[in-house]
Amino acid sequence: DAVLSAVISAWLGWQRLVVALIVGFIAGTIMGMIFLLDEMRKADLLRQCYKPLVIGLTAGFLIMAVPLYALGSIVGVMVQPSSWITAGLLGSVGGGLLGVVSVGTRVSKPFPFGPALCLGAVVAIFWDPVGAMLSGGA
């Protein structure tokens, strides 16, 4: 994957490598979760995910929403409910994923990052926000 990153950087430039890596990380996360859930289904581990999932959802919500709400109360600023609820929901998604992945560690299968990085490179060919920001254009 490091060699593939070097080839992408040499071919597209470092600005588009940044885009390729970010898109590759996002695509790799989605592809990896699908792969992990499929492997967990094959190993009959999905039934064991419910308790860690609920714990992760709850903990993620509390870790993200409560400090934001409490900080607003301490400072005396009314925090909009949409702000702390959105933060809590994002935290609960992350916590839920961590709960599922904690059960998925029992499935030991490697997942290649190369296909996701190639997808990121294809996206970077057509989309270059970093280069546009540095050149001052849109």
Foldseek 3Di string as FASTA:
>chain_A
DVVVLVVLCVVPNPLLSVQLVVQLVVVCVVVVVVVLVVLCVVVVQPVVLPVQLVVQLVVQLCVFQVVVCVVCVVVVHHDDPVVSNVRSRVRSVVRNVVSNVVSSVVDDDDDDSVVSSVVSSVVSVVDRPRVCVVVVHD
